Amino acid sequence: MGKYRREEKISLKEHILGLLLERDKRYEQRSQERDLRYDQRFRETEEAKRVLVQTTEKRFDGVNEFRAAMSDQQKNYITRSEALALVVAVSTVTGAIVGALSYFAKH
């Protein structure tokens, strides 16, 4: 009854309707404020996700560059089968040279 003066005579129905309208306004205002907060949080979350995706993409770009560099570097490395073939060839040639030297040392 704070908003009505004592001299005013209003019906109980008008009084209750007035209270209900005041409450409706307050609830509507709270609802709008809550919606604004939720919208703001949603925008902040979306922005955070966007930044996270960009950061992750940059990170994977760096990883992909590293992989490409390792792949290029590995192209220059000798393979195990090539190394074994070289060892066998060197051993064969070395054996032949040692045999030839032994032959000439005896004669």
PDB file of N, CA and C in Angstrom:
ATOM      1  N   MET A   1       0.815  -1.186   0.000  1.00  0.00           N
ATOM      2  CA  MET A   1       0.000   0.000   0.000  1.00  0.00           C
ATOM      3  C   MET A   1       0.854   1.242   0.000  1.00  0.00           C
ATOM      4  N   GLY A   2       2.144   1.064  -0.263  1.00  0.00           N
ATOM      5  CA  GLY A   2       3.049   2.184  -0.241  1.00  0.00           C
ATOM      6  C   GLY A   2       2.793   3.172  -1.351  1.00  0.00           C
ATOM      7  N   LYS A   3       2.310   2.712  -2.466  1.00  0.00           N
ATOM      8  CA  LYS A   3       2.139   3.616  -3.586  1.00  0.00           C
ATOM      9  C   LYS A   3       0.792   4.324  -3.555  1.00  0.00           C
ATOM     10  N   TYR A   4      -0.156   3.802  -2.822  1.00  0.00           N
ATOM     11  CA  TYR A   4      -1.492   4.408  -2.737  1.00  0.00           C
ATOM     12  C   TYR A   4      -1.592   5.244  -1.462  1.00  0.00           C
ATOM     13  N   ARG A   5      -2.244   6.361  -1.606  1.00  0.00           N
ATOM     14  CA  ARG A   5      -2.477   7.188  -0.422  1.00  0.00           C
ATOM     15  C   ARG A   5      -3.650   6.634   0.350  1.00  0.00           C
ATOM     16  N   ARG A   6      -3.671   6.930   1.609  1.00  0.00           N
ATOM     17  CA  ARG A   6      -4.736   6.392   2.471  1.00  0.00           C
ATOM     18  C   ARG A   6      -6.107   6.916   2.077  1.00  0.00           C
ATOM     19  N   GLU A   7      -6.115   8.122   1.530  1.00  0.00           N
ATOM     20  CA  GLU A   7      -7.407   8.689   1.213  1.00  0.00           C
ATOM     21  C   GLU A   7      -8.038   7.997   0.014  1.00  0.00           C
ATOM     22  N   GLU A   8      -7.178   7.428  -0.840  1.00  0.00           N
ATOM     23  CA  GLU A   8      -7.713   6.763  -2.016  1.00  0.00           C
ATOM     24  C   GLU A   8      -8.392   5.482  -1.596  1.00  0.00           C
ATOM     25  N   LYS A   9      -9.503   5.278  -2.171  1.00  0.00           N
ATOM     26  CA  LYS A   9     -10.200   4.035  -1.884  1.00  0.00           C
ATOM     27  C   LYS A   9     -10.134   3.204  -3.145  1.00  0.00           C
ATOM     28  N   ILE A  10      -9.497   2.061  -3.009  1.00  0.00           N
ATOM     29  CA  ILE A  10      -9.410   1.153  -4.145  1.00  0.00           C
ATOM     30  C   ILE A  10      -9.939  -0.198  -3.694  1.00  0.00           C
ATOM     31  N   SER A  11     -10.366  -0.930  -4.652  1.00  0.00           N
ATOM     32  CA  SER A  11     -10.904  -2.233  -4.296  1.00  0.00           C
ATOM     33  C   SER A  11      -9.739  -3.196  -4.060  1.00  0.00           C
ATOM     34  N   LEU A  12     -10.041  -4.274  -3.393  1.00  0.00           N
ATOM     35  CA  LEU A  12      -9.043  -5.302  -3.139  1.00  0.00           C
ATOM     36  C   LEU A  12      -8.527  -5.862  -4.469  1.00  0.00           C
ATOM     37  N   LYS A  13      -9.432  -6.007  -5.412  1.00  0.00           N
ATOM     38  CA  LYS A  13      -9.059  -6.516  -6.733  1.00  0.00           C
ATOM     39  C   LYS A  13      -8.050  -5.583  -7.401  1.00  0.00           C
ATOM     40  N   GLU A  14      -8.293  -4.280  -7.361  1.00  0.00           N
ATOM     41  CA  GLU A  14      -7.369  -3.312  -7.953  1.00  0.00           C
ATOM     42  C   GLU A  14      -6.027  -3.358  -7.250  1.00  0.00           C
ATOM     43  N   HIS A  15      -6.074  -3.465  -5.937  1.00  0.00           N
ATOM     44  CA  HIS A  15      -4.841  -3.538  -5.154  1.00  0.00           C
ATOM     45  C   HIS A  15      -4.020  -4.775  -5.552  1.00  0.00           C
ATOM     46  N   ILE A  16      -4.650  -5.934  -5.638  1.00  0.00           N
ATOM     47  CA  ILE A  16      -3.959  -7.173  -5.986  1.00  0.00           C
ATOM     48  C   ILE A  16      -3.457  -7.101  -7.432  1.00  0.00           C
ATOM     49  N   LEU A  17      -4.269  -6.562  -8.322  1.00  0.00           N
ATOM     50  CA  LEU A  17      -3.830  -6.402  -9.705  1.00  0.00           C
ATOM     51  C   LEU A  17      -2.625  -5.471  -9.789  1.00  0.00           C
ATOM     52  N   GLY A  18      -2.631  -4.418  -9.005  1.00  0.00           N
ATOM     53  CA  GLY A  18      -1.487  -3.503  -8.971  1.00  0.00           C
ATOM     54  C   GLY A  18      -0.234  -4.210  -8.496  1.00  0.00           C
ATOM     55  N   LEU A  19      -0.373  -5.003  -7.427  1.00  0.00           N
ATOM     56  CA  LEU A  19       0.778  -5.757  -6.922  1.00  0.00           C
ATOM     57  C   LEU A  19       1.278  -6.762  -7.971  1.00  0.00           C
ATOM     58  N   LEU A  20       0.339  -7.432  -8.614  1.00  0.00           N
ATOM     59  CA  LEU A  20       0.726  -8.407  -9.630  1.00  0.00           C
ATOM     60  C   LEU A  20       1.438  -7.743 -10.802  1.00  0.00           C
ATOM     61  N   LEU A  21       0.950  -6.561 -11.201  1.00  0.00           N
ATOM     62  CA  LEU A  21       1.602  -5.845 -12.298  1.00  0.00           C
ATOM     63  C   LEU A  21       3.015  -5.413 -11.913  1.00  0.00           C
ATOM     64  N   GLU A  22       3.174  -4.943 -10.666  1.00  0.00           N
ATOM     65  CA  GLU A  22       4.509  -4.570 -10.180  1.00  0.00           C
ATOM     66  C   GLU A  22       5.440  -5.772 -10.202  1.00  0.00           C
ATOM     67  N   ARG A  23       4.940  -6.887  -9.715  1.00  0.00           N
ATOM     68  CA  ARG A  23       5.767  -8.107  -9.705  1.00  0.00           C
ATOM     69  C   ARG A  23       6.091  -8.554 -11.120  1.00  0.00           C
ATOM     70  N   ASP A  24       5.117  -8.478 -12.001  1.00  0.00           N
ATOM     71  CA  ASP A  24       5.362  -8.855 -13.394  1.00  0.00           C
ATOM     72  C   ASP A  24       6.466  -7.997 -14.000  1.00  0.00           C
ATOM     73  N   LYS A  25       6.408  -6.681 -13.705  1.00  0.00           N
ATOM     74  CA  LYS A  25       7.445  -5.778 -14.225  1.00  0.00           C
ATOM     75  C   LYS A  25       8.813  -6.162 -13.676  1.00  0.00           C
ATOM     76  N   ARG A  26       8.864  -6.444 -12.357  1.00  0.00           N
ATOM     77  CA  ARG A  26      10.145  -6.833 -11.750  1.00  0.00           C
ATOM     78  C   ARG A  26      10.660  -8.142 -12.351  1.00  0.00           C
ATOM     79  N   TYR A  27       9.759  -9.122 -12.497  1.00  0.00           N
ATOM     80  CA  TYR A  27      10.169 -10.406 -13.067  1.00  0.00           C
ATOM     81  C   TYR A  27      10.621 -10.248 -14.513  1.00  0.00           C
ATOM     82  N   GLU A  28       9.910  -9.412 -15.249  1.00  0.00           N
ATOM     83  CA  GLU A  28      10.287  -9.168 -16.642  1.00  0.00           C
ATOM     84  C   GLU A  28      11.657  -8.498 -16.709  1.00  0.00           C
ATOM     85  N   GLN A  29      11.877  -7.525 -15.823  1.00  0.00           N
ATOM     86  CA  GLN A  29      13.171  -6.841 -15.780  1.00  0.00           C
ATOM     87  C   GLN A  29      14.272  -7.828 -15.419  1.00  0.00           C
ATOM     88  N   ARG A  30      14.025  -8.662 -14.414  1.00  0.00           N
ATOM     89  CA  ARG A  30      15.024  -9.677 -14.030  1.00  0.00           C
ATOM     90  C   ARG A  30      15.290 -10.638 -15.180  1.00  0.00           C
ATOM     91  N   SER A  31      14.228 -11.024 -15.849  1.00  0.00           N
ATOM     92  CA  SER A  31      14.367 -11.948 -16.976  1.00  0.00           C
ATOM     93  C   SER A  31      15.203 -11.316 -18.082  1.00  0.00           C
ATOM     94  N   GLN A  32      14.930 -10.052 -18.381  1.00  0.00           N
ATOM     95  CA  GLN A  32      15.704  -9.364 -19.413  1.00  0.00           C
ATOM     96  C   GLN A  32      17.171  -9.231 -18.996  1.00  0.00           C
ATOM     97  N   GLU A  33      17.409  -8.887 -17.739  1.00  0.00           N
ATOM     98  CA  GLU A  33      18.786  -8.775 -17.248  1.00  0.00           C
ATOM     99  C   GLU A  33      19.499 -10.128 -17.333  1.00  0.00           C
ATOM    100  N   ARG A  34      18.788 -11.186 -16.949  1.00  0.00           N
ATOM    101  CA  ARG A  34      19.365 -12.529 -17.001  1.00  0.00           C
ATOM    102  C   ARG A  34      19.666 -12.910 -18.451  1.00  0.00           C
ATOM    103  N   ASP A  35      18.724 -12.600 -19.344  1.00  0.00           N
ATOM    104  CA  ASP A  35      18.951 -12.897 -20.764  1.00  0.00           C
ATOM    105  C   ASP A  35      20.165 -12.148 -21.289  1.00  0.00           C
ATOM    106  N   LEU A  36      20.315 -10.894 -20.879  1.00  0.00           N
ATOM    107  CA  LEU A  36      21.477 -10.111 -21.301  1.00  0.00           C
ATOM    108  C   LEU A  36      22.768 -10.744 -20.790  1.00  0.00           C
ATOM    109  N   ARG A  37      22.752 -11.184 -19.512  1.00  0.00           N
ATOM    110  CA  ARG A  37      23.942 -11.842 -18.950  1.00  0.00           C
ATOM    111  C   ARG A  37      24.251 -13.132 -19.699  1.00  0.00           C
ATOM    112  N   TYR A  38      23.231 -13.918 -19.983  1.00  0.00           N
ATOM    113  CA  TYR A  38      23.432 -15.169 -20.718  1.00  0.00           C
ATOM    114  C   TYR A  38      23.952 -14.899 -22.126  1.00  0.00           C
ATOM    115  N   ASP A  39      23.379 -13.890 -22.775  1.00  0.00           N
ATOM    116  CA  ASP A  39      23.853 -13.542 -24.117  1.00  0.00           C
ATOM    117  C   ASP A  39      25.313 -13.110 -24.073  1.00  0.00           C
ATOM    118  N   GLN A  40      25.661 -12.311 -23.072  1.00  0.00           N
ATOM    119  CA  GLN A  40      27.043 -11.861 -22.930  1.00  0.00           C
ATOM    120  C   GLN A  40      27.959 -13.051 -22.687  1.00  0.00           C
ATOM    121  N   ARG A  41      27.563 -13.955 -21.813  1.00  0.00           N
ATOM    122  CA  ARG A  41      28.377 -15.151 -21.543  1.00  0.00           C
ATOM    123  C   ARG A  41      28.500 -16.010 -22.791  1.00  0.00           C
ATOM    124  N   PHE A  42      27.403 -16.121 -23.539  1.00  0.00           N
ATOM    125  CA  PHE A  42      27.443 -16.908 -24.775  1.00  0.00           C
ATOM    126  C   PHE A  42      28.422 -16.290 -25.766  1.00  0.00           C
ATOM    127  N   ARG A  43      28.364 -14.970 -25.926  1.00  0.00           N
ATOM    128  CA  ARG A  43      29.298 -14.289 -26.839  1.00  0.00           C
ATOM    129  C   ARG A  43      30.739 -14.475 -26.370  1.00  0.00           C
ATOM    130  N   GLU A  44      30.959 -14.363 -25.062  1.00  0.00           N
ATOM    131  CA  GLU A  44      32.306 -14.559 -24.529  1.00  0.00           C
ATOM    132  C   GLU A  44      32.782 -15.988 -24.767  1.00  0.00           C
ATOM    133  N   THR A  45      31.878 -16.943 -24.584  1.00  0.00           N
ATOM    134  CA  THR A  45      32.230 -18.347 -24.813  1.00  0.00           C
ATOM    135  C   THR A  45      32.544 -18.589 -26.286  1.00  0.00           C
ATOM    136  N   GLU A  46      31.735 -18.021 -27.154  1.00  0.00           N
ATOM    137  CA  GLU A  46      31.973 -18.179 -28.591  1.00  0.00           C
ATOM    138  C   GLU A  46      33.315 -17.560 -28.975  1.00  0.00           C
ATOM    139  N   GLU A  47      33.619 -16.400 -28.417  1.00  0.00           N
ATOM    140  CA  GLU A  47      34.900 -15.741 -28.699  1.00  0.00           C
ATOM    141  C   GLU A  47      36.051 -16.595 -28.181  1.00  0.00           C
ATOM    142  N   ALA A  48      35.901 -17.146 -26.990  1.00  0.00           N
ATOM    143  CA  ALA A  48      36.946 -18.007 -26.422  1.00  0.00           C
ATOM    144  C   ALA A  48      37.143 -19.249 -27.295  1.00  0.00           C
ATOM    145  N   LYS A  49      36.048 -19.815 -27.773  1.00  0.00           N
ATOM    146  CA  LYS A  49      36.165 -20.988 -28.652  1.00  0.00           C
ATOM    147  C   LYS A  49      36.863 -20.608 -29.958  1.00  0.00           C
ATOM    148  N   ARG A  50      36.530 -19.452 -30.499  1.00  0.00           N
ATOM    149  CA  ARG A  50      37.148 -19.007 -31.747  1.00  0.00           C
ATOM    150  C   ARG A  50      38.655 -18.834 -31.564  1.00  0.00           C
ATOM    151  N   VAL A  51      39.039 -18.211 -30.451  1.00  0.00           N
ATOM    152  CA  VAL A  51      40.462 -18.011 -30.162  1.00  0.00           C
ATOM    153  C   VAL A  51      41.150 -19.357 -29.963  1.00  0.00           C
ATOM    154  N   LEU A  52      40.478 -20.262 -29.272  1.00  0.00           N
ATOM    155  CA  LEU A  52      41.043 -21.592 -29.044  1.00  0.00           C
ATOM    156  C   LEU A  52      41.242 -22.333 -30.358  1.00  0.00           C
ATOM    157  N   VAL A  53      40.280 -22.241 -31.245  1.00  0.00           N
ATOM    158  CA  VAL A  53      40.409 -22.902 -32.547  1.00  0.00           C
ATOM    159  C   VAL A  53      41.568 -22.298 -33.330  1.00  0.00           C
ATOM    160  N   GLN A  54      41.679 -20.979 -33.323  1.00  0.00           N
ATOM    161  CA  GLN A  54      42.782 -20.331 -34.030  1.00  0.00           C
ATOM    162  C   GLN A  54      44.128 -20.745 -33.445  1.00  0.00           C
ATOM    163  N   THR A  55      44.211 -20.774 -32.120  1.00  0.00           N
ATOM    164  CA  THR A  55      45.451 -21.165 -31.459  1.00  0.00           C
ATOM    165  C   THR A  55      45.804 -22.605 -31.794  1.00  0.00           C
ATOM    166  N   THR A  56      44.810 -23.468 -31.784  1.00  0.00           N
ATOM    167  CA  THR A  56      45.044 -24.875 -32.103  1.00  0.00           C
ATOM    168  C   THR A  56      45.489 -25.028 -33.552  1.00  0.00           C
ATOM    169  N   GLU A  57      44.857 -24.286 -34.450  1.00  0.00           N
ATOM    170  CA  GLU A  57      45.255 -24.347 -35.861  1.00  0.00           C
ATOM    171  C   GLU A  57      46.693 -23.878 -36.042  1.00  0.00           C
ATOM    172  N   LYS A  58      47.071 -22.802 -35.364  1.00  0.00           N
ATOM    173  CA  LYS A  58      48.451 -22.316 -35.451  1.00  0.00           C
ATOM    174  C   LYS A  58      49.416 -23.366 -34.910  1.00  0.00           C
ATOM    175  N   ARG A  59      49.034 -23.991 -33.807  1.00  0.00           N
ATOM    176  CA  ARG A  59      49.884 -25.020 -33.204  1.00  0.00           C
ATOM    177  C   ARG A  59      50.070 -26.175 -34.172  1.00  0.00           C
ATOM    178  N   PHE A  60      48.971 -26.619 -34.784  1.00  0.00           N
ATOM    179  CA  PHE A  60      49.077 -27.731 -35.718  1.00  0.00           C
ATOM    180  C   PHE A  60      49.805 -27.329 -36.995  1.00  0.00           C
ATOM    181  N   ASP A  61      49.725 -26.055 -37.374  1.00  0.00           N
ATOM    182  CA  ASP A  61      50.532 -25.594 -38.504  1.00  0.00           C
ATOM    183  C   ASP A  61      52.007 -25.771 -38.178  1.00  0.00           C
ATOM    184  N   GLY A  62      52.389 -25.414 -36.955  1.00  0.00           N
ATOM    185  CA  GLY A  62      53.771 -25.602 -36.518  1.00  0.00           C
ATOM    186  C   GLY A  62      54.157 -27.067 -36.480  1.00  0.00           C
ATOM    187  N   VAL A  63      53.254 -27.904 -36.012  1.00  0.00           N
ATOM    188  CA  VAL A  63      53.515 -29.346 -35.968  1.00  0.00           C
ATOM    189  C   VAL A  63      53.660 -29.883 -37.386  1.00  0.00           C
ATOM    190  N   ASN A  64      52.802 -29.444 -38.284  1.00  0.00           N
ATOM    191  CA  ASN A  64      52.879 -29.899 -39.670  1.00  0.00           C
ATOM    192  C   ASN A  64      54.170 -29.433 -40.338  1.00  0.00           C
ATOM    193  N   GLU A  65      54.607 -28.225 -40.028  1.00  0.00           N
ATOM    194  CA  GLU A  65      55.885 -27.744 -40.551  1.00  0.00           C
ATOM    195  C   GLU A  65      57.020 -28.615 -40.032  1.00  0.00           C
ATOM    196  N   PHE A  66      56.969 -28.952 -38.754  1.00  0.00           N
ATOM    197  CA  PHE A  66      57.994 -29.813 -38.162  1.00  0.00           C
ATOM    198  C   PHE A  66      57.988 -31.183 -38.831  1.00  0.00           C
ATOM    199  N   ARG A  67      56.814 -31.733 -39.044  1.00  0.00           N
ATOM    200  CA  ARG A  67      56.713 -33.039 -39.708  1.00  0.00           C
ATOM    201  C   ARG A  67      57.276 -32.978 -41.126  1.00  0.00           C
ATOM    202  N   ALA A  68      56.965 -31.907 -41.821  1.00  0.00           N
ATOM    203  CA  ALA A  68      57.482 -31.761 -43.183  1.00  0.00           C
ATOM    204  C   ALA A  68      59.008 -31.668 -43.167  1.00  0.00           C
ATOM    205  N   ALA A  69      59.548 -30.931 -42.209  1.00  0.00           N
ATOM    206  CA  ALA A  69      61.009 -30.821 -42.098  1.00  0.00           C
ATOM    207  C   ALA A  69      61.620 -32.175 -41.785  1.00  0.00           C
ATOM    208  N   MET A  70      61.003 -32.934 -40.881  1.00  0.00           N
ATOM    209  CA  MET A  70      61.510 -34.271 -40.555  1.00  0.00           C
ATOM    210  C   MET A  70      61.418 -35.196 -41.761  1.00  0.00           C
ATOM    211  N   SER A  71      60.352 -35.079 -42.518  1.00  0.00           N
ATOM    212  CA  SER A  71      60.180 -35.905 -43.714  1.00  0.00           C
ATOM    213  C   SER A  71      61.257 -35.571 -44.738  1.00  0.00           C
ATOM    214  N   ASP A  72      61.509 -34.278 -44.945  1.00  0.00           N
ATOM    215  CA  ASP A  72      62.563 -33.864 -45.878  1.00  0.00           C
ATOM    216  C   ASP A  72      63.919 -34.366 -45.410  1.00  0.00           C
ATOM    217  N   GLN A  73      64.153 -34.285 -44.114  1.00  0.00           N
ATOM    218  CA  GLN A  73      65.434 -34.724 -43.554  1.00  0.00           C
ATOM    219  C   GLN A  73      65.586 -36.232 -43.715  1.00  0.00           C
ATOM    220  N   GLN A  74      64.521 -36.983 -43.508  1.00  0.00           N
ATOM    221  CA  GLN A  74      64.596 -38.434 -43.619  1.00  0.00           C
ATOM    222  C   GLN A  74      64.836 -38.891 -45.050  1.00  0.00           C
ATOM    223  N   LYS A  75      64.446 -38.068 -46.008  1.00  0.00           N
ATOM    224  CA  LYS A  75      64.694 -38.418 -47.406  1.00  0.00           C
ATOM    225  C   LYS A  75      66.186 -38.516 -47.681  1.00  0.00           C
ATOM    226  N   ASN A  76      66.986 -37.762 -46.940  1.00  0.00           N
ATOM    227  CA  ASN A  76      68.432 -37.758 -47.142  1.00  0.00           C
ATOM    228  C   ASN A  76      69.128 -38.871 -46.370  1.00  0.00           C
ATOM    229  N   TYR A  77      68.460 -39.502 -45.447  1.00  0.00           N
ATOM    230  CA  TYR A  77      69.057 -40.583 -44.666  1.00  0.00           C
ATOM    231  C   TYR A  77      69.119 -41.870 -45.471  1.00  0.00           C
ATOM    232  N   ILE A  78      70.103 -42.656 -45.178  1.00  0.00           N
ATOM    233  CA  ILE A  78      70.232 -43.955 -45.816  1.00  0.00           C
ATOM    234  C   ILE A  78      69.295 -44.936 -45.112  1.00  0.00           C
ATOM    235  N   THR A  79      68.690 -45.813 -45.887  1.00  0.00           N
ATOM    236  CA  THR A  79      67.782 -46.785 -45.286  1.00  0.00           C
ATOM    237  C   THR A  79      68.585 -47.955 -44.736  1.00  0.00           C
ATOM    238  N   ARG A  80      67.948 -48.754 -43.912  1.00  0.00           N
ATOM    239  CA  ARG A  80      68.609 -49.910 -43.299  1.00  0.00           C
ATOM    240  C   ARG A  80      69.077 -50.898 -44.368  1.00  0.00           C
ATOM    241  N   SER A  81      68.240 -51.166 -45.341  1.00  0.00           N
ATOM    242  CA  SER A  81      68.613 -52.121 -46.400  1.00  0.00           C
ATOM    243  C   SER A  81      69.785 -51.584 -47.229  1.00  0.00           C
ATOM    244  N   GLU A  82      69.779 -50.261 -47.486  1.00  0.00           N
ATOM    245  CA  GLU A  82      70.908 -49.674 -48.217  1.00  0.00           C
ATOM    246  C   GLU A  82      72.194 -49.764 -47.399  1.00  0.00           C
ATOM    247  N   ALA A  83      72.073 -49.522 -46.089  1.00  0.00           N
ATOM    248  CA  ALA A  83      73.250 -49.606 -45.218  1.00  0.00           C
ATOM    249  C   ALA A  83      73.787 -51.026 -45.175  1.00  0.00           C
ATOM    250  N   LEU A  84      72.909 -52.011 -45.065  1.00  0.00           N
ATOM    251  CA  LEU A  84      73.354 -53.416 -45.045  1.00  0.00           C
ATOM    252  C   LEU A  84      74.015 -53.797 -46.364  1.00  0.00           C
ATOM    253  N   ALA A  85      73.462 -53.337 -47.470  1.00  0.00           N
ATOM    254  CA  ALA A  85      74.058 -53.623 -48.781  1.00  0.00           C
ATOM    255  C   ALA A  85      75.453 -53.017 -48.872  1.00  0.00           C
ATOM    256  N   LEU A  86      75.607 -51.778 -48.340  1.00  0.00           N
ATOM    257  CA  LEU A  86      76.933 -51.140 -48.353  1.00  0.00           C
ATOM    258  C   LEU A  86      77.916 -51.896 -47.464  1.00  0.00           C
ATOM    259  N   VAL A  87      77.467 -52.339 -46.303  1.00  0.00           N
ATOM    260  CA  VAL A  87      78.347 -53.088 -45.400  1.00  0.00           C
ATOM    261  C   VAL A  87      78.801 -54.387 -46.065  1.00  0.00           C
ATOM    262  N   VAL A  88      77.873 -55.057 -46.695  1.00  0.00           N
ATOM    263  CA  VAL A  88      78.222 -56.304 -47.396  1.00  0.00           C
ATOM    264  C   VAL A  88      79.206 -56.007 -48.528  1.00  0.00           C
ATOM    265  N   ALA A  89      78.959 -54.949 -49.289  1.00  0.00           N
ATOM    266  CA  ALA A  89      79.853 -54.598 -50.397  1.00  0.00           C
ATOM    267  C   ALA A  89      81.233 -54.225 -49.889  1.00  0.00           C
ATOM    268  N   VAL A  90      81.288 -53.415 -48.833  1.00  0.00           N
ATOM    269  CA  VAL A  90      82.576 -53.013 -48.268  1.00  0.00           C
ATOM    270  C   VAL A  90      83.296 -54.234 -47.704  1.00  0.00           C
ATOM    271  N   SER A  91      82.565 -55.105 -47.031  1.00  0.00           N
ATOM    272  CA  SER A  91      83.176 -56.320 -46.485  1.00  0.00           C
ATOM    273  C   SER A  91      83.727 -57.194 -47.602  1.00  0.00           C
ATOM    274  N   THR A  92      82.980 -57.307 -48.676  1.00  0.00           N
ATOM    275  CA  THR A  92      83.432 -58.114 -49.817  1.00  0.00           C
ATOM    276  C   THR A  92      84.692 -57.521 -50.427  1.00  0.00           C
ATOM    277  N   VAL A  93      84.680 -56.221 -50.656  1.00  0.00           N
ATOM    278  CA  VAL A  93      85.844 -55.552 -51.242  1.00  0.00           C
ATOM    279  C   VAL A  93      87.029 -55.643 -50.282  1.00  0.00           C
ATOM    280  N   THR A  94      86.792 -55.410 -48.996  1.00  0.00           N
ATOM    281  CA  THR A  94      87.865 -55.479 -48.001  1.00  0.00           C
ATOM    282  C   THR A  94      88.441 -56.897 -47.956  1.00  0.00           C
ATOM    283  N   GLY A  95      87.557 -57.887 -47.981  1.00  0.00           N
ATOM    284  CA  GLY A  95      88.028 -59.273 -47.996  1.00  0.00           C
ATOM    285  C   GLY A  95      88.870 -59.561 -49.220  1.00  0.00           C
ATOM    286  N   ALA A  96      88.446 -59.044 -50.358  1.00  0.00           N
ATOM    287  CA  ALA A  96      89.213 -59.254 -51.594  1.00  0.00           C
ATOM    288  C   ALA A  96      90.569 -58.573 -51.504  1.00  0.00           C
ATOM    289  N   ILE A  97      90.601 -57.368 -50.971  1.00  0.00           N
ATOM    290  CA  ILE A  97      91.872 -56.630 -50.841  1.00  0.00           C
ATOM    291  C   ILE A  97      92.800 -57.354 -49.870  1.00  0.00           C
ATOM    292  N   VAL A  98      92.257 -57.788 -48.723  1.00  0.00           N
ATOM    293  CA  VAL A  98      93.066 -58.509 -47.738  1.00  0.00           C
ATOM    294  C   VAL A  98      93.602 -59.806 -48.357  1.00  0.00           C
ATOM    295  N   GLY A  99      92.758 -60.483 -49.100  1.00  0.00           N
ATOM    296  CA  GLY A  99      93.193 -61.716 -49.766  1.00  0.00           C
ATOM    297  C   GLY A  99      94.296 -61.442 -50.775  1.00  0.00           C
ATOM    298  N   ALA A 100      94.115 -60.351 -51.540  1.00  0.00           N
ATOM    299  CA  ALA A 100      95.127 -60.005 -52.543  1.00  0.00           C
ATOM    300  C   ALA A 100      96.427 -59.621 -51.868  1.00  0.00           C
ATOM    301  N   LEU A 101      96.347 -58.858 -50.794  1.00  0.00           N
ATOM    302  CA  LEU A 101      97.558 -58.452 -50.073  1.00  0.00           C
ATOM    303  C   LEU A 101      98.250 -59.674 -49.469  1.00  0.00           C
ATOM    304  N   SER A 102      97.489 -60.587 -48.955  1.00  0.00           N
ATOM    305  CA  SER A 102      98.069 -61.817 -48.375  1.00  0.00           C
ATOM    306  C   SER A 102      98.756 -62.625 -49.476  1.00  0.00           C
ATOM    307  N   TYR A 103      98.123 -62.662 -50.628  1.00  0.00           N
ATOM    308  CA  TYR A 103      98.713 -63.427 -51.745  1.00  0.00           C
ATOM    309  C   TYR A 103     100.036 -62.820 -52.167  1.00  0.00           C
ATOM    310  N   PHE A 104     100.032 -61.482 -52.298  1.00  0.00           N
ATOM    311  CA  PHE A 104     101.259 -60.824 -52.745  1.00  0.00           C
ATOM    312  C   PHE A 104     102.334 -60.836 -51.645  1.00  0.00           C
ATOM    313  N   ALA A 105     101.901 -60.853 -50.377  1.00  0.00           N
ATOM    314  CA  ALA A 105     102.871 -60.901 -49.292  1.00  0.00           C
ATOM    315  C   ALA A 105     103.579 -62.246 -49.268  1.00  0.00           C
ATOM    316  N   LYS A 106     102.916 -63.309 -49.666  1.00  0.00           N
ATOM    317  CA  LYS A 106     103.508 -64.628 -49.675  1.00  0.00           C
ATOM    318  C   LYS A 106     104.408 -64.814 -50.896  1.00  0.00           C
ATOM    319  N   HIS A 107     104.189 -64.142 -51.943  1.00  0.00           N
ATOM    320  CA  HIS A 107     104.954 -64.337 -53.179  1.00  0.00           C
ATOM    321  C   HIS A 107     105.921 -63.256 -53.402  1.00  0.00           C
TER     322      HIS A 107
END
